[in-house]
Amino acid sequence: MRILSPSMVFRSPSLAPFRSAVNTRRERSVHPPLPSPHRSAKREPFARLFIQSLWPNTTAPIVGGRKTMAGGFSVPDGGKEYPGKMTLFVFLACLVASSGGLIFGYDIGISGGVTSMDPFLLKFFPDVYHEEKLQKSTSQYCKFNSQLLTTFTSSLYLAALVASFFASTVTRLLGRKPSMFCGGLVFLAGSVINGAAKDVAMLIIGRIFLGIGIGFASQSVPLYLSEMAPARLRGMLNIGFQQMITVGILIANIINYGTAKIEGGWGWRVSLGLGAVPAIIMTAGSLLLPDTPNSLIERGHTDEAKSMLCRIRGTEDVQAEFVDLVAASEASKAVKHPWSTLRQRSYRPQLVMSLLIPAFQQLTGINVINFYAPVLFKTIGFGSEASLMSAVIIGFFKVASCLISIFVVDKLGRRPLLIEGGLQMIFFQVVVGILIGIKFGSDGVGTISKPYAIGVVSCICFFVSAFDWSWGPLGWLVPSEIYPLEVRSAGQSITVSVNMLFTFIVAQTFLPMLCHFKFGLFFFFAACETIMTVYVTLFLPETKNIPIEEMDRIWKKHWYWSRFVTDVPGGDHEMTKPKSSV
């Protein structure tokens, strides 16, 4: 049997109607037309574009013959829209794929819960147990300050960081499905090891396996969801990943609350071992999923890709979108080294966003709540059972808030949610810091009444609600939808690795920082939230309803990023691809 190369497939007679359009794009890419003098003369002032990016809905002035849209970019009147609708096939495929978020969320919830269980602490971290139980005069802020305890929590995210780079290659060369399958399988092994752990070394080895699984899942699932979804519903379907994270956290908190009551002190083994359940769901689900048209084209299965595109869009009229996908794939094949290509000036906006957005997401301090909610509540005076129940309540708030984001993200857009969520987090982060500071001061000694404790938990619930309808889901959505195909896997790998790096840093440093910064730590996170809210207001353009292969146009019309991206004159907003860097 003769094996056809990708270029031979592209030259096949079945693709004759599309070849001229692709070649035209190549011509523009290699020899872009000179800027029109008429257009240059009408270029808008910097100040006007800057103001337009801040308040996009005030008016819609014409910029160079085009209407300016939200976030400071413009598109031609009657901008490109692909035919298609939400099909049951796409919905089920995205639902199964998003189950990859379950393993992430389950681990986040479980690790915080078991570290507040006395039998677990007594077996693996006896120093922390005695510090908590026997030294009543110890500062509340420093009761759980143990380097070994933080290593248990944070080792997973260091493993996920390293795994994301290998996952990038697997995702690009073999497709999104194999990456999800590998992630589920390795997470399953880690759950078994942790459930049977005999010492701290075995615990940490299991955590490393869990981290590898999460690294692969976080690399492949957001890409899969963004590529399967219709442009106008991409936000809703992509947020399914974050929704499953919140569901995983809630399930883990409920399980922790139940297993903590098991007589004999082995409930923590059940909590850790049950991580095998979401791992099996993800592993089995990945075998049933179809591959995305983008990935099929990228690997040379062009006819299969067109058939899949017709199926997921629910229409035979997919020629325009198919031509764009083939053109993007042809451009991507010219890029032999996506990591070096990613450093080119024309990719500067996407690179900066994929570095800063996941970093900002973790600097909100949300994983302080996710990892250490039961520990944090015990720190401020809750009993063991009450601290686990408070974590369950917060889990319900997280799930409900993420559902809100699913229904409004494609109507309101990404920017409004990020800005509102940032402002709400700043306010309640400051309030929590003040409430804890009033009761415990700088020496960390004090008691807390039940009404006061309810007030603290309520403020934390409003804080996590703000995160889970804004920075939680959109911290994954926005980076996954802004990259062109030729560097998409590499770009997502950067997003995952930065996310895991800052998750590791926060997990590793929170308990020591709480001991030294005391209630001022909450003001530190509020300052980070202020910076990131200002950044989004100024520099993030709106991405809602933009087809994923047309996303480059938002940078060309942004008041700041346009200086890095080649402009296309004469009203054309097709993608301009640089030559390969090799």
Protein backbone atom coordinates (compact mmCIF):
# COMPACT_ATOMS: atom_id res chain seq x y z
CA MET A 1 0.00 0.00 0.00
CA ARG A 2 1.32 3.41 -0.94
CA ILE A 3 1.72 5.93 1.86
CA LEU A 4 0.90 9.52 0.85
CA SER A 5 2.79 12.40 2.38
CA PRO A 6 0.81 15.41 3.67
CA SER A 7 1.90 17.50 0.67
CA MET A 8 0.77 14.73 -1.76
CA VAL A 9 -2.58 14.59 -0.01
CA PHE A 10 -2.94 18.33 -0.37
CA ARG A 11 -2.21 18.04 -4.13
CA SER A 12 -4.92 15.40 -4.59
CA PRO A 13 -7.72 16.18 -7.09
CA SER A 14 -10.32 16.28 -4.32
CA LEU A 15 -8.72 19.46 -3.01
CA ALA A 16 -8.53 21.27 -6.36
CA PRO A 17 -11.27 23.79 -5.42
CA PHE A 18 -9.28 24.89 -2.38
CA ARG A 19 -5.74 25.02 -3.76
CA SER A 20 -5.98 28.41 -5.39
CA ALA A 21 -7.23 30.04 -2.18
CA VAL A 22 -4.40 28.50 -0.19
CA ASN A 23 -1.79 29.52 -2.75
CA THR A 24 -3.16 33.05 -2.68
CA ARG A 25 -2.60 33.12 1.08
CA ARG A 26 0.91 31.88 0.61
CA GLU A 27 1.60 34.66 -1.88
CA ARG A 28 0.40 37.23 0.62
CA SER A 29 2.43 35.58 3.37
CA VAL A 30 5.71 35.62 1.45
CA HIS A 31 5.16 38.82 -0.55
CA PRO A 32 2.70 41.00 1.37
CA PRO A 33 1.31 43.94 -0.63
CA LEU A 34 2.70 47.37 0.08
CA PRO A 35 0.58 49.54 2.37
CA SER A 36 -1.94 51.73 0.63
CA PRO A 37 -1.02 55.46 0.78
CA HIS A 38 -4.70 56.29 1.07
CA ARG A 39 -5.06 54.03 4.07
CA SER A 40 -1.92 55.34 5.74
CA ALA A 41 -3.17 58.88 5.44
CA LYS A 42 -6.32 57.99 7.37
CA ARG A 43 -4.60 56.07 10.16
CA GLU A 44 -6.31 56.75 13.48
CA PRO A 45 -4.47 58.65 16.24
CA PHE A 46 -2.93 56.56 19.02
CA ALA A 47 -5.05 58.26 21.71
CA ARG A 48 -8.30 57.48 19.93
CA LEU A 49 -7.45 53.80 19.52
CA PHE A 50 -6.35 53.66 23.16
CA ILE A 51 -9.66 55.11 24.39
CA GLN A 52 -11.55 52.81 22.03
CA SER A 53 -9.88 49.78 23.62
CA LEU A 54 -10.98 50.84 27.11
CA TRP A 55 -14.61 51.74 26.34
CA PRO A 56 -15.51 49.77 23.23
CA ASN A 57 -19.27 50.06 23.65
CA THR A 58 -19.59 53.84 23.85
CA THR A 59 -19.60 54.44 20.10
CA ALA A 60 -18.46 52.58 17.03
CA PRO A 61 -16.54 55.09 14.93
CA ILE A 62 -15.28 54.14 11.51
CA VAL A 63 -11.55 53.43 11.44
CA GLY A 64 -10.11 53.24 7.96
CA GLY A 65 -13.53 52.28 6.56
CA ARG A 66 -14.23 49.64 9.22
CA LYS A 67 -16.31 49.47 12.35
CA THR A 68 -14.28 49.26 15.54
CA MET A 69 -15.36 46.48 17.88
CA ALA A 70 -14.83 45.58 21.52
CA GLY A 71 -11.32 45.56 22.84
CA GLY A 72 -9.84 47.99 20.35
CA PHE A 73 -9.87 45.88 17.17
CA SER A 74 -11.84 46.28 13.98
CA VAL A 75 -13.19 43.96 11.35
CA PRO A 76 -14.70 44.57 7.95
CA ASP A 77 -18.43 45.05 7.70
CA GLY A 78 -19.94 41.63 7.31
CA GLY A 79 -16.90 39.88 8.79
CA LYS A 80 -16.42 36.19 8.07
CA GLU A 81 -18.81 33.79 9.77
CA TYR A 82 -18.80 30.04 9.14
CA PRO A 83 -22.08 28.14 8.72
CA GLY A 84 -22.91 25.58 11.34
CA LYS A 85 -24.78 24.96 14.57
CA MET A 86 -24.42 23.26 17.89
CA THR A 87 -24.93 19.55 17.30
CA LEU A 88 -25.56 16.82 19.82
CA PHE A 89 -22.40 15.13 18.54
CA VAL A 90 -20.24 18.16 19.39
CA PHE A 91 -21.90 18.63 22.77
CA LEU A 92 -21.31 15.02 23.82
CA ALA A 93 -17.74 15.02 22.51
CA CYS A 94 -16.91 18.19 24.43
CA LEU A 95 -18.65 16.88 27.56
CA VAL A 96 -16.55 13.71 27.50
CA ALA A 97 -13.33 15.63 26.74
CA SER A 98 -13.93 18.16 29.50
CA SER A 99 -13.98 15.28 32.00
CA GLY A 100 -10.19 15.75 31.89
CA GLY A 101 -10.82 18.61 34.29
CA LEU A 102 -12.19 16.14 36.84
CA ILE A 103 -8.75 14.71 37.60
CA PHE A 104 -7.33 18.21 38.11
CA GLY A 105 -10.16 19.35 40.36
CA TYR A 106 -10.34 16.12 42.33
CA ASP A 107 -6.67 16.30 43.23
CA ILE A 108 -6.90 19.97 44.25
CA GLY A 109 -9.78 19.22 46.62
CA ILE A 110 -8.42 15.96 48.00
CA SER A 111 -4.91 17.19 48.82
CA GLY A 112 -6.23 20.04 50.94
CA GLY A 113 -8.70 17.81 52.77
CA VAL A 114 -6.38 14.95 53.72
CA THR A 115 -3.75 17.36 55.08
CA SER A 116 -6.32 18.50 57.66
CA MET A 117 -7.09 14.92 58.82
CA ASP A 118 -5.37 14.00 62.07
CA PRO A 119 -4.62 10.32 61.16
CA PHE A 120 -2.93 11.43 57.92
CA LEU A 121 -0.85 14.07 59.72
CA LEU A 122 0.08 11.67 62.51
CA LYS A 123 1.31 9.02 60.05
CA PHE A 124 3.22 11.19 57.57
CA PHE A 125 3.74 14.58 59.24
CA PRO A 126 3.91 13.98 63.02
CA ASP A 127 5.75 17.26 63.67
CA VAL A 128 2.85 19.22 62.18
CA TYR A 129 0.36 17.15 64.19
CA HIS A 130 2.14 17.80 67.50
CA GLU A 131 2.56 21.49 66.64
CA GLU A 132 -1.18 21.74 66.11
CA LYS A 133 -2.39 19.62 69.03
CA LEU A 134 0.12 20.03 71.79
CA GLN A 135 1.27 23.64 71.57
CA LYS A 136 -1.87 25.67 72.09
CA SER A 137 0.05 28.95 72.38
CA THR A 138 1.51 28.66 68.89
CA SER A 139 0.59 31.46 66.47
CA GLN A 140 -2.41 30.45 64.40
CA TYR A 141 -0.56 31.65 61.31
CA CYS A 142 2.33 29.20 61.78
CA LYS A 143 0.61 26.02 62.99
CA PHE A 144 0.93 24.21 59.64
CA ASN A 145 4.22 25.69 58.47
CA SER A 146 6.08 22.55 57.37
CA GLN A 147 8.38 22.27 54.36
CA LEU A 148 7.62 18.56 54.02
CA LEU A 149 3.87 19.21 54.03
CA THR A 150 4.14 21.85 51.29
CA THR A 151 6.38 19.54 49.25
CA PHE A 152 3.62 16.91 49.36
CA THR A 153 1.16 19.41 47.93
CA SER A 154 3.40 21.19 45.43
CA SER A 155 5.42 18.29 43.97
CA LEU A 156 2.52 17.45 41.67
CA TYR A 157 2.67 20.82 39.91
CA LEU A 158 6.40 20.67 39.29
CA ALA A 159 5.86 17.30 37.59
CA ALA A 160 2.99 18.75 35.55
CA LEU A 161 5.23 21.62 34.43
CA VAL A 162 7.87 19.23 33.03
CA ALA A 163 5.25 16.88 31.54
CA SER A 164 3.57 19.71 29.61
CA PHE A 165 6.60 20.06 27.31
CA PHE A 166 6.48 16.37 26.36
CA ALA A 167 2.68 16.59 26.05
CA SER A 168 3.10 19.38 23.49
CA THR A 169 4.99 17.07 21.12
CA VAL A 170 2.54 14.20 21.60
CA THR A 171 -0.43 16.51 21.02
CA ARG A 172 1.04 17.98 17.83
CA LEU A 173 2.35 14.78 16.23
CA LEU A 174 -0.19 12.17 17.36
CA GLY A 175 -3.29 14.27 18.05
CA ARG A 176 -5.27 15.44 21.06
CA LYS A 177 -6.82 12.03 21.89
CA PRO A 178 -3.56 10.16 22.60
CA SER A 179 -2.46 12.95 24.90
CA MET A 180 -5.70 12.69 26.89
CA PHE A 181 -5.38 8.90 27.03
CA CYS A 182 -1.80 9.10 28.37
CA GLY A 183 -2.84 11.66 30.97
CA GLY A 184 -5.69 9.50 32.29
CA LEU A 185 -3.57 6.37 32.41
CA VAL A 186 -0.69 7.97 34.35
CA PHE A 187 -3.10 9.69 36.77
CA LEU A 188 -4.70 6.29 37.43
CA ALA A 189 -1.31 4.85 38.40
CA GLY A 190 -0.62 7.80 40.71
CA SER A 191 -3.96 7.37 42.49
CA VAL A 192 -3.24 3.71 43.18
CA ILE A 193 0.24 4.53 44.56
CA ASN A 194 -1.10 7.28 46.83
CA GLY A 195 -3.95 5.15 48.15
CA ALA A 196 -1.46 2.44 49.12
CA ALA A 197 1.26 4.80 50.42
CA LYS A 198 3.41 3.57 53.32
CA ASP A 199 5.68 6.59 53.75
CA VAL A 200 6.22 10.15 52.54
CA ALA A 201 8.49 9.06 49.68
CA MET A 202 5.74 6.85 48.28
CA LEU A 203 3.26 9.70 48.67
CA ILE A 204 5.46 12.08 46.69
CA ILE A 205 6.14 9.50 43.95
CA GLY A 206 2.39 9.09 43.57
CA ARG A 207 2.00 12.87 43.41
CA ILE A 208 4.56 13.03 40.61
CA PHE A 209 2.54 10.50 38.59
CA LEU A 210 -0.59 12.56 39.23
CA GLY A 211 1.24 15.67 38.03
CA ILE A 212 2.29 14.01 34.77
CA GLY A 213 -1.34 13.06 34.14
CA ILE A 214 -2.55 16.59 34.83
CA GLY A 215 0.17 18.05 32.57
CA PHE A 216 -1.03 15.95 29.62
CA ALA A 217 -4.72 16.65 30.29
CA SER A 218 -4.22 20.41 30.66
CA GLN A 219 -2.28 20.48 27.39
CA SER A 220 -4.79 18.58 25.26
CA VAL A 221 -8.29 19.20 26.64
CA PRO A 222 -8.52 23.01 26.19
CA LEU A 223 -7.15 22.68 22.64
CA TYR A 224 -9.62 19.93 21.82
CA LEU A 225 -12.57 21.94 23.10
CA SER A 226 -11.56 25.13 21.26
CA GLU A 227 -11.08 23.30 17.96
CA MET A 228 -14.35 21.32 18.11
CA ALA A 229 -16.58 24.24 19.08
CA PRO A 230 -18.30 26.63 16.65
CA ALA A 231 -16.80 30.11 16.96
CA ARG A 232 -19.87 31.69 18.54
CA LEU A 233 -20.08 28.95 21.21
CA ARG A 234 -16.38 28.33 21.80
CA GLY A 235 -16.38 30.08 25.18
CA MET A 236 -19.26 28.05 26.53
CA LEU A 237 -17.85 24.69 25.46
CA ASN A 238 -14.27 25.47 26.45
CA ILE A 239 -15.35 26.49 29.95
CA GLY A 240 -16.54 22.91 30.36
CA PHE A 241 -12.93 22.17 31.37
CA GLN A 242 -13.07 24.62 34.27
CA GLN A 243 -16.59 23.46 35.14
CA MET A 244 -15.29 19.92 35.54
CA ILE A 245 -12.43 21.23 37.70
CA THR A 246 -14.97 22.82 40.06
CA VAL A 247 -17.10 19.65 40.03
CA GLY A 248 -13.99 17.62 40.87
CA ILE A 249 -13.17 19.95 43.77
CA LEU A 250 -16.74 19.70 45.10
CA ILE A 251 -16.78 15.88 44.86
CA ALA A 252 -13.40 15.71 46.59
CA ASN A 253 -14.58 17.97 49.43
CA ILE A 254 -17.70 15.85 49.96
CA ILE A 255 -15.62 12.66 49.96
CA ASN A 256 -13.16 14.17 52.45
CA TYR A 257 -16.04 15.14 54.74
CA GLY A 258 -17.31 11.55 54.68
CA THR A 259 -14.00 9.69 54.92
CA ALA A 260 -12.82 11.83 57.85
CA LYS A 261 -15.49 10.09 59.94
CA ILE A 262 -14.31 6.55 59.15
CA GLU A 263 -13.24 4.75 62.32
CA GLY A 264 -9.70 3.40 62.36
CA GLY A 265 -8.03 6.40 60.76
CA TRP A 266 -7.76 5.01 57.20
CA GLY A 267 -10.29 7.30 55.56
CA TRP A 268 -7.52 9.30 53.88
CA ARG A 269 -6.63 6.17 51.85
CA VAL A 270 -10.14 6.11 50.42
CA SER A 271 -9.91 9.81 49.53
CA LEU A 272 -6.60 9.41 47.71
CA GLY A 273 -7.46 6.07 46.07
CA LEU A 274 -10.78 7.26 44.65
CA GLY A 275 -8.80 9.50 42.31
CA ALA A 276 -8.76 6.39 40.11
CA VAL A 277 -12.45 6.95 39.26
CA PRO A 278 -12.09 10.24 37.31
CA ALA A 279 -8.89 8.84 35.78
CA ILE A 280 -10.82 5.84 34.40
CA ILE A 281 -13.56 8.14 33.08
CA MET A 282 -11.01 10.24 31.21
CA THR A 283 -9.03 7.26 29.89
CA ALA A 284 -12.08 5.41 28.62
CA GLY A 285 -13.65 8.58 27.26
CA SER A 286 -10.59 9.48 25.22
CA LEU A 287 -10.91 6.18 23.33
CA LEU A 288 -14.45 7.08 22.26
CA LEU A 289 -13.80 10.66 21.17
CA PRO A 290 -13.49 11.74 17.54
CA ASP A 291 -10.39 13.69 16.57
CA THR A 292 -10.66 17.38 15.68
CA PRO A 293 -10.60 18.47 12.01
CA ASN A 294 -7.60 20.70 12.79
CA SER A 295 -5.59 17.78 14.12
CA LEU A 296 -6.64 15.47 11.26
CA ILE A 297 -5.54 18.00 8.64
CA GLU A 298 -2.32 18.64 10.52
CA ARG A 299 -1.52 14.92 10.30
CA GLY A 300 -2.48 14.58 6.61
CA HIS A 301 -5.97 13.03 6.88
CA THR A 302 -7.63 15.69 4.74
CA ASP A 303 -10.68 13.81 3.45
CA GLU A 304 -11.46 12.48 6.91
CA ALA A 305 -11.09 16.00 8.29
CA LYS A 306 -13.67 17.42 5.88
CA SER A 307 -16.10 14.63 6.71
CA MET A 308 -15.61 15.29 10.43
CA LEU A 309 -16.09 19.04 9.90
CA CYS A 310 -19.43 18.41 8.18
CA ARG A 311 -20.49 16.18 11.04
CA ILE A 312 -19.57 18.52 13.89
CA ARG A 313 -21.05 21.61 12.16
CA GLY A 314 -24.27 19.83 11.16
CA THR A 315 -24.09 21.06 7.56
CA GLU A 316 -22.44 20.25 4.25
CA ASP A 317 -21.65 23.92 3.69
CA VAL A 318 -18.21 23.88 5.31
CA GLN A 319 -16.09 24.86 2.29
CA ALA A 320 -15.04 28.28 3.62
CA GLU A 321 -13.99 26.95 7.03
CA PHE A 322 -12.29 23.93 5.46
CA VAL A 323 -10.22 26.14 3.14
CA ASP A 324 -9.08 28.19 6.13
CA LEU A 325 -8.16 25.07 8.10
CA VAL A 326 -6.18 23.63 5.17
CA ALA A 327 -4.41 26.96 4.64
CA ALA A 328 -3.49 27.14 8.32
CA SER A 329 -2.19 23.57 8.18
CA GLU A 330 -0.09 24.28 5.08
CA ALA A 331 1.44 27.27 6.86
CA SER A 332 2.09 25.18 9.96
CA LYS A 333 3.94 22.50 7.97
CA ALA A 334 6.48 25.10 6.89
CA VAL A 335 7.30 25.64 10.56
CA LYS A 336 9.70 22.88 11.55
CA HIS A 337 10.61 24.36 14.93
CA PRO A 338 7.49 25.92 16.54
CA TRP A 339 9.38 26.89 19.71
CA SER A 340 11.81 29.13 17.80
CA THR A 341 9.01 30.41 15.56
CA LEU A 342 7.06 31.39 18.65
CA ARG A 343 9.81 33.86 19.56
CA GLN A 344 9.31 35.84 16.34
CA ARG A 345 8.01 39.38 16.69
CA SER A 346 4.71 38.65 14.93
CA TYR A 347 3.75 36.19 17.70
CA ARG A 348 4.64 38.60 20.52
CA PRO A 349 1.01 39.35 21.59
CA GLN A 350 0.09 35.67 21.92
CA LEU A 351 3.34 34.83 23.69
CA VAL A 352 2.91 37.60 26.25
CA MET A 353 -0.69 36.60 26.91
CA SER A 354 0.20 32.93 27.36
CA LEU A 355 2.86 33.95 29.89
CA LEU A 356 0.93 36.53 31.90
CA ILE A 357 -2.65 35.22 31.96
CA PRO A 358 -1.85 31.87 33.65
CA ALA A 359 0.61 33.62 35.99
CA PHE A 360 -2.04 36.15 36.98
CA GLN A 361 -4.60 33.37 37.39
CA GLN A 362 -2.51 31.78 40.13
CA LEU A 363 -1.52 35.09 41.74
CA THR A 364 -5.17 35.71 42.57
CA GLY A 365 -4.52 33.46 45.56
CA ILE A 366 -7.34 31.10 44.54
CA ASN A 367 -5.27 27.98 45.09
CA VAL A 368 -4.66 29.10 48.65
CA ILE A 369 -8.39 28.42 49.02
CA ASN A 370 -8.38 25.33 46.78
CA PHE A 371 -5.37 23.60 48.37
CA TYR A 372 -5.60 24.72 51.93
CA ALA A 373 -9.26 25.59 52.55
CA PRO A 374 -9.66 23.08 55.42
CA VAL A 375 -6.21 23.98 56.78
CA LEU A 376 -6.98 27.68 56.46
CA PHE A 377 -10.29 27.31 58.28
CA LYS A 378 -8.61 25.34 61.07
CA THR A 379 -6.04 28.12 61.26
CA ILE A 380 -8.73 30.72 61.94
CA GLY A 381 -10.38 28.62 64.64
CA PHE A 382 -12.74 26.13 62.99
CA GLY A 383 -12.88 22.56 64.23
CA SER A 384 -11.76 19.72 61.96
CA GLU A 385 -15.29 18.75 60.87
CA ALA A 386 -16.41 22.36 60.49
CA SER A 387 -13.39 23.16 58.31
CA LEU A 388 -14.22 20.30 55.94
CA MET A 389 -17.89 21.34 55.77
CA SER A 390 -16.87 24.92 54.97
CA ALA A 391 -14.78 23.59 52.09
CA VAL A 392 -17.86 21.72 50.80
CA ILE A 393 -19.91 24.94 50.91
CA ILE A 394 -17.23 26.76 48.93
CA GLY A 395 -17.23 23.87 46.43
CA PHE A 396 -20.94 24.43 45.74
CA PHE A 397 -20.29 28.14 45.14
CA LYS A 398 -17.52 27.29 42.69
CA VAL A 399 -19.72 24.98 40.61
CA ALA A 400 -22.63 27.46 40.50
CA SER A 401 -20.36 30.37 39.56
CA CYS A 402 -18.72 28.47 36.71
CA LEU A 403 -22.18 27.64 35.36
CA ILE A 404 -22.92 31.37 35.23
CA SER A 405 -19.80 31.89 33.14
CA ILE A 406 -20.83 29.15 30.70
CA PHE A 407 -24.10 30.93 29.93
CA VAL A 408 -22.78 34.50 29.63
CA VAL A 409 -19.22 34.27 28.25
CA ASP A 410 -20.29 34.23 24.58
CA LYS A 411 -22.83 37.01 25.14
CA LEU A 412 -20.92 39.45 27.37
CA GLY A 413 -17.44 38.55 26.16
CA ARG A 414 -14.17 37.75 27.89
CA ARG A 415 -13.01 41.23 28.89
CA PRO A 416 -16.10 42.28 30.93
CA LEU A 417 -15.99 39.07 32.95
CA LEU A 418 -12.26 39.35 33.64
CA ILE A 419 -12.51 42.99 34.70
CA GLU A 420 -15.59 42.54 36.90
CA GLY A 421 -14.18 39.38 38.45
CA GLY A 422 -10.90 41.13 39.19
CA LEU A 423 -12.62 44.05 40.94
CA GLN A 424 -14.80 41.72 43.01
CA MET A 425 -11.80 39.61 44.06
CA ILE A 426 -9.85 42.71 45.11
CA PHE A 427 -12.70 43.87 47.34
CA PHE A 428 -13.31 40.58 49.14
CA GLN A 429 -9.61 39.72 49.42
CA VAL A 430 -9.12 43.00 51.30
CA VAL A 431 -12.20 42.37 53.49
CA VAL A 432 -10.97 38.87 54.46
CA GLY A 433 -7.55 40.29 55.33
CA ILE A 434 -9.14 42.95 57.52
CA LEU A 435 -11.44 40.46 59.29
CA ILE A 436 -8.60 38.06 60.08
CA GLY A 437 -6.31 40.93 61.09
CA ILE A 438 -8.88 42.29 63.54
CA LYS A 439 -9.24 38.94 65.32
CA PHE A 440 -5.69 37.60 65.26
CA GLY A 441 -3.54 40.70 64.78
CA SER A 442 0.16 40.19 64.13
CA ASP A 443 0.79 37.67 66.93
CA GLY A 444 -1.73 35.14 65.59
CA VAL A 445 -3.33 34.47 68.96
CA GLY A 446 -7.07 34.83 69.33
CA THR A 447 -10.48 33.19 69.13
CA ILE A 448 -13.28 33.54 66.65
CA SER A 449 -17.02 33.43 67.31
CA LYS A 450 -19.48 31.51 65.15
CA PRO A 451 -21.15 34.61 63.59
CA TYR A 452 -17.72 36.06 62.84
CA ALA A 453 -16.62 32.79 61.26
CA ILE A 454 -19.73 32.74 59.09
CA GLY A 455 -18.84 36.24 57.91
CA VAL A 456 -15.33 35.13 56.93
CA VAL A 457 -16.65 32.09 55.05
CA SER A 458 -19.23 34.27 53.27
CA CYS A 459 -16.54 36.67 52.06
CA ILE A 460 -14.42 33.76 50.85
CA CYS A 461 -17.47 32.38 48.97
CA PHE A 462 -17.94 35.72 47.18
CA PHE A 463 -14.23 35.71 46.37
CA VAL A 464 -14.26 32.22 44.81
CA SER A 465 -17.47 33.06 42.95
CA ALA A 466 -15.74 36.00 41.29
CA PHE A 467 -12.80 33.80 40.32
CA ASP A 468 -14.92 30.96 38.95
CA TRP A 469 -16.98 33.07 36.59
CA SER A 470 -13.95 35.04 35.37
CA TRP A 471 -10.26 34.22 35.82
CA GLY A 472 -10.83 30.53 36.54
CA PRO A 473 -12.40 29.49 33.21
CA LEU A 474 -11.06 32.35 31.09
CA GLY A 475 -7.50 31.75 32.27
CA TRP A 476 -7.71 28.52 30.24
CA LEU A 477 -10.05 29.70 27.47
CA VAL A 478 -8.27 32.82 26.23
CA PRO A 479 -4.77 31.31 25.78
CA SER A 480 -6.19 28.23 24.05
CA GLU A 481 -8.05 30.25 21.40
CA ILE A 482 -5.51 32.91 20.38
CA TYR A 483 -2.75 30.84 18.74
CA PRO A 484 -2.55 29.97 15.01
CA LEU A 485 -2.26 26.28 14.22
CA GLU A 486 1.47 26.20 13.47
CA VAL A 487 2.39 27.15 17.05
CA ARG A 488 -0.79 26.15 18.87
CA SER A 489 0.59 23.11 20.71
CA ALA A 490 3.76 24.96 21.69
CA GLY A 491 1.73 27.95 22.87
CA GLN A 492 -0.60 25.80 24.94
CA SER A 493 2.43 24.08 26.43
CA ILE A 494 3.71 27.47 27.59
CA THR A 495 0.32 28.26 29.11
CA VAL A 496 0.22 24.96 31.00
CA SER A 497 3.84 25.16 32.17
CA VAL A 498 3.49 28.75 33.42
CA ASN A 499 0.24 27.83 35.17
CA MET A 500 1.88 24.86 36.86
CA LEU A 501 5.02 26.83 37.72
CA PHE A 502 3.05 29.51 39.55
CA THR A 503 0.75 26.90 41.09
CA PHE A 504 3.88 25.18 42.42
CA ILE A 505 5.28 28.48 43.74
CA VAL A 506 2.01 29.39 45.49
CA ALA A 507 1.60 25.90 46.97
CA GLN A 508 5.24 25.79 48.09
CA THR A 509 5.32 29.25 49.65
CA PHE A 510 1.82 29.86 51.03
CA LEU A 511 2.25 28.31 54.47
CA PRO A 512 5.66 30.00 55.09
CA MET A 513 4.27 33.29 53.72
CA LEU A 514 1.20 33.02 55.96
CA CYS A 515 3.53 32.50 58.92
CA HIS A 516 5.61 35.59 58.07
CA PHE A 517 3.14 37.94 56.31
CA LYS A 518 0.24 36.96 58.56
CA PHE A 519 -3.02 38.67 57.55
CA GLY A 520 -1.01 40.93 55.23
CA LEU A 521 -0.76 38.01 52.80
CA PHE A 522 -4.33 38.68 51.70
CA PHE A 523 -3.39 42.29 50.88
CA PHE A 524 -0.47 40.97 48.81
CA PHE A 525 -2.84 38.92 46.66
CA ALA A 526 -5.21 41.91 46.39
CA ALA A 527 -2.32 43.98 44.99
CA CYS A 528 -1.63 41.25 42.39
CA GLU A 529 -5.31 41.28 41.43
CA THR A 530 -5.17 45.05 40.98
CA ILE A 531 -2.23 44.76 38.58
CA MET A 532 -3.84 42.03 36.50
CA THR A 533 -7.18 43.85 36.25
CA VAL A 534 -5.43 46.97 34.93
CA TYR A 535 -3.45 44.82 32.49
CA VAL A 536 -6.55 43.16 31.05
CA THR A 537 -8.31 46.51 30.74
CA LEU A 538 -5.46 47.96 28.70
CA PHE A 539 -4.00 45.08 26.73
CA LEU A 540 -6.47 42.21 26.18
CA PRO A 541 -8.70 42.55 23.10
CA GLU A 542 -12.09 40.86 22.96
CA THR A 543 -12.03 37.39 21.38
CA LYS A 544 -15.68 36.33 21.48
CA ASN A 545 -17.27 35.12 18.22
CA ILE A 546 -13.97 35.25 16.30
CA PRO A 547 -13.25 32.00 14.36
CA ILE A 548 -10.16 30.39 15.84
CA GLU A 549 -8.26 30.44 12.52
CA GLU A 550 -9.09 34.16 12.07
CA MET A 551 -8.00 35.22 15.54
CA ASP A 552 -4.95 37.14 14.28
CA ARG A 553 -7.08 40.12 13.22
CA ILE A 554 -7.74 41.19 16.81
CA TRP A 555 -4.04 41.93 17.26
CA LYS A 556 -3.72 43.86 14.00
CA LYS A 557 -6.31 46.40 15.16
CA HIS A 558 -5.36 46.66 18.83
CA TRP A 559 -4.01 50.05 19.94
CA TYR A 560 -0.78 48.50 21.27
CA TRP A 561 -0.26 45.05 19.71
CA SER A 562 -0.72 46.27 16.14
CA ARG A 563 2.90 47.44 16.11
CA PHE A 564 4.07 43.80 16.40
CA VAL A 565 1.75 42.19 13.84
CA THR A 566 1.95 42.68 10.08
CA ASP A 567 -1.03 44.69 8.92
CA VAL A 568 -2.95 43.60 5.86
CA PRO A 569 -4.06 46.52 3.71
CA GLY A 570 -7.09 46.92 1.57
CA GLY A 571 -9.62 45.41 3.94
CA ASP A 572 -8.16 41.91 3.96
CA HIS A 573 -8.01 40.20 7.31
CA GLU A 574 -6.54 36.88 6.22
CA MET A 575 -3.75 35.38 8.26
CA THR A 576 -0.21 36.42 7.41
CA LYS A 577 2.28 33.71 8.22
CA PRO A 578 5.97 34.38 8.57
CA LYS A 579 8.47 32.17 6.86
CA SER A 580 9.92 29.31 8.78
CA SER A 581 12.74 30.37 11.02
CA VAL A 582 14.92 27.52 9.83
